[in-house]
Amino acid sequence: MPRLIAGTPGANAILQNSQCSVSLSVTTVTPAGNNFTVSVPLTFTAAFAGAKQVWMYAAGSTANSGCHQLGSWTR
């Protein structure tokens, strides 16, 4: 399992590792009833080429989603 890095959408911060970065200031969460949409702008480093997978984990005060693959592509 990959290392988890936590952050708050809208915060003035950037989460990054050796492969990619996420700007939290432009990350959005839009609720709609029992669902919500998360928009996360990923920027990959030039050296991190090839097949990619995006996994998501969400947690609240009483439950969590578990890890789920939500996307894939090749760069």
C-alpha atoms as a PDB file:
ATOM      1  CA  MET A   1       0.000   0.000   0.000  1.00  0.00           C
ATOM      2  CA  PRO A   2       1.377   3.440  -0.861  1.00  0.00           C
ATOM      3  CA  ARG A   3       2.222   5.940   1.841  1.00  0.00           C
ATOM      4  CA  LEU A   4      -0.773   8.150   2.686  1.00  0.00           C
ATOM      5  CA  ILE A   5      -0.323  11.929   2.851  1.00  0.00           C
ATOM      6  CA  ALA A   6      -3.182  13.923   4.404  1.00  0.00           C
ATOM      7  CA  GLY A   7      -4.283  17.432   3.532  1.00  0.00           C
ATOM      8  CA  THR A   8      -7.286  19.758   3.615  1.00  0.00           C
ATOM      9  CA  PRO A   9      -8.819  20.909   0.318  1.00  0.00           C
ATOM     10  CA  GLY A  10      -8.560  24.692  -0.057  1.00  0.00           C
ATOM     11  CA  ALA A  11      -5.546  24.971   2.274  1.00  0.00           C
ATOM     12  CA  ASN A  12      -2.587  27.026   1.085  1.00  0.00           C
ATOM     13  CA  ALA A  13      -0.284  23.994   0.809  1.00  0.00           C
ATOM     14  CA  ILE A  14       1.217  21.579  -1.692  1.00  0.00           C
ATOM     15  CA  LEU A  15       1.488  17.849  -1.045  1.00  0.00           C
ATOM     16  CA  GLN A  16       4.342  16.241  -2.922  1.00  0.00           C
ATOM     17  CA  ASN A  17       6.600  13.248  -3.178  1.00  0.00           C
ATOM     18  CA  SER A  18       9.250  12.187  -5.717  1.00  0.00           C
ATOM     19  CA  GLN A  19       6.560  11.331  -8.287  1.00  0.00           C
ATOM     20  CA  CYS A  20       3.871  14.013  -8.192  1.00  0.00           C
ATOM     21  CA  SER A  21       2.379  17.015  -6.417  1.00  0.00           C
ATOM     22  CA  VAL A  22      -1.111  18.250  -5.524  1.00  0.00           C
ATOM     23  CA  SER A  23      -1.954  21.904  -4.906  1.00  0.00           C
ATOM     24  CA  LEU A  24      -4.536  21.884  -2.108  1.00  0.00           C
ATOM     25  CA  SER A  25      -5.517  25.522  -2.768  1.00  0.00           C
ATOM     26  CA  VAL A  26      -7.228  24.487  -6.041  1.00  0.00           C
ATOM     27  CA  THR A  27      -8.469  21.089  -4.837  1.00  0.00           C
ATOM     28  CA  THR A  28     -12.257  21.151  -4.434  1.00  0.00           C
ATOM     29  CA  VAL A  29     -14.913  19.018  -2.776  1.00  0.00           C
ATOM     30  CA  THR A  30     -18.526  19.520  -3.892  1.00  0.00           C
ATOM     31  CA  PRO A  31     -21.264  17.794  -1.870  1.00  0.00           C
ATOM     32  CA  ALA A  32     -24.575  16.719  -3.450  1.00  0.00           C
ATOM     33  CA  GLY A  33     -26.886  14.792  -1.128  1.00  0.00           C
ATOM     34  CA  ASN A  34     -25.148  11.581  -0.028  1.00  0.00           C
ATOM     35  CA  ASN A  35     -22.423  11.984  -2.682  1.00  0.00           C
ATOM     36  CA  PHE A  36     -19.571  14.360  -3.289  1.00  0.00           C
ATOM     37  CA  THR A  37     -17.199  15.158  -6.127  1.00  0.00           C
ATOM     38  CA  VAL A  38     -13.482  15.668  -5.468  1.00  0.00           C
ATOM     39  CA  SER A  39     -11.349  17.526  -8.033  1.00  0.00           C
ATOM     40  CA  VAL A  40      -7.607  17.005  -7.484  1.00  0.00           C
ATOM     41  CA  PRO A  41      -5.076  18.599  -9.867  1.00  0.00           C
ATOM     42  CA  LEU A  42      -2.124  16.183 -10.127  1.00  0.00           C
ATOM     43  CA  THR A  43       1.220  17.280 -11.559  1.00  0.00           C
ATOM     44  CA  PHE A  44       3.669  14.481 -12.327  1.00  0.00           C
ATOM     45  CA  THR A  45       7.446  14.916 -12.425  1.00  0.00           C
ATOM     46  CA  ALA A  46       9.078  14.434 -15.851  1.00  0.00           C
ATOM     47  CA  ALA A  47      10.968  11.372 -14.609  1.00  0.00           C
ATOM     48  CA  PHE A  48       7.757   9.619 -13.560  1.00  0.00           C
ATOM     49  CA  ALA A  49       6.583   8.318 -16.953  1.00  0.00           C
ATOM     50  CA  GLY A  50       4.581   5.252 -17.941  1.00  0.00           C
ATOM     51  CA  ALA A  51       1.367   3.695 -16.669  1.00  0.00           C
ATOM     52  CA  LYS A  52      -0.326   5.506 -13.752  1.00  0.00           C
ATOM     53  CA  GLN A  53      -3.057   4.634 -11.267  1.00  0.00           C
ATOM     54  CA  VAL A  54      -4.926   7.004  -8.958  1.00  0.00           C
ATOM     55  CA  TRP A  55      -6.128   5.576  -5.648  1.00  0.00           C
ATOM     56  CA  MET A  56      -8.370   7.383  -3.177  1.00  0.00           C
ATOM     57  CA  TYR A  57      -8.937   6.963   0.545  1.00  0.00           C
ATOM     58  CA  ALA A  58     -11.430   9.072   2.483  1.00  0.00           C
ATOM     59  CA  ALA A  59     -11.949   9.082   6.228  1.00  0.00           C
ATOM     60  CA  GLY A  60     -14.424  10.702   8.576  1.00  0.00           C
ATOM     61  CA  SER A  61     -14.802  10.679  12.324  1.00  0.00           C
ATOM     62  CA  THR A  62     -16.714   7.364  12.347  1.00  0.00           C
ATOM     63  CA  ALA A  63     -15.950   5.575   9.064  1.00  0.00           C
ATOM     64  CA  ASN A  64     -13.576   5.330   6.109  1.00  0.00           C
ATOM     65  CA  SER A  65     -13.868   4.335   2.465  1.00  0.00           C
ATOM     66  CA  GLY A  66     -10.916   1.974   2.238  1.00  0.00           C
ATOM     67  CA  CYS A  67      -8.528   2.390  -0.720  1.00  0.00           C
ATOM     68  CA  HIS A  68     -10.085   2.272  -4.194  1.00  0.00           C
ATOM     69  CA  GLN A  69      -8.535   2.713  -7.633  1.00  0.00           C
ATOM     70  CA  LEU A  70     -10.426   5.592  -9.273  1.00  0.00           C
ATOM     71  CA  GLY A  71      -8.429   6.164 -12.419  1.00  0.00           C
ATOM     72  CA  SER A  72      -5.579   5.057 -14.666  1.00  0.00           C
ATOM     73  CA  TRP A  73      -3.746   6.308 -17.756  1.00  0.00           C
ATOM     74  CA  THR A  74      -0.379   6.169 -19.490  1.00  0.00           C
ATOM     75  CA  ARG A  75       1.893   9.192 -19.702  1.00  0.00           C
END
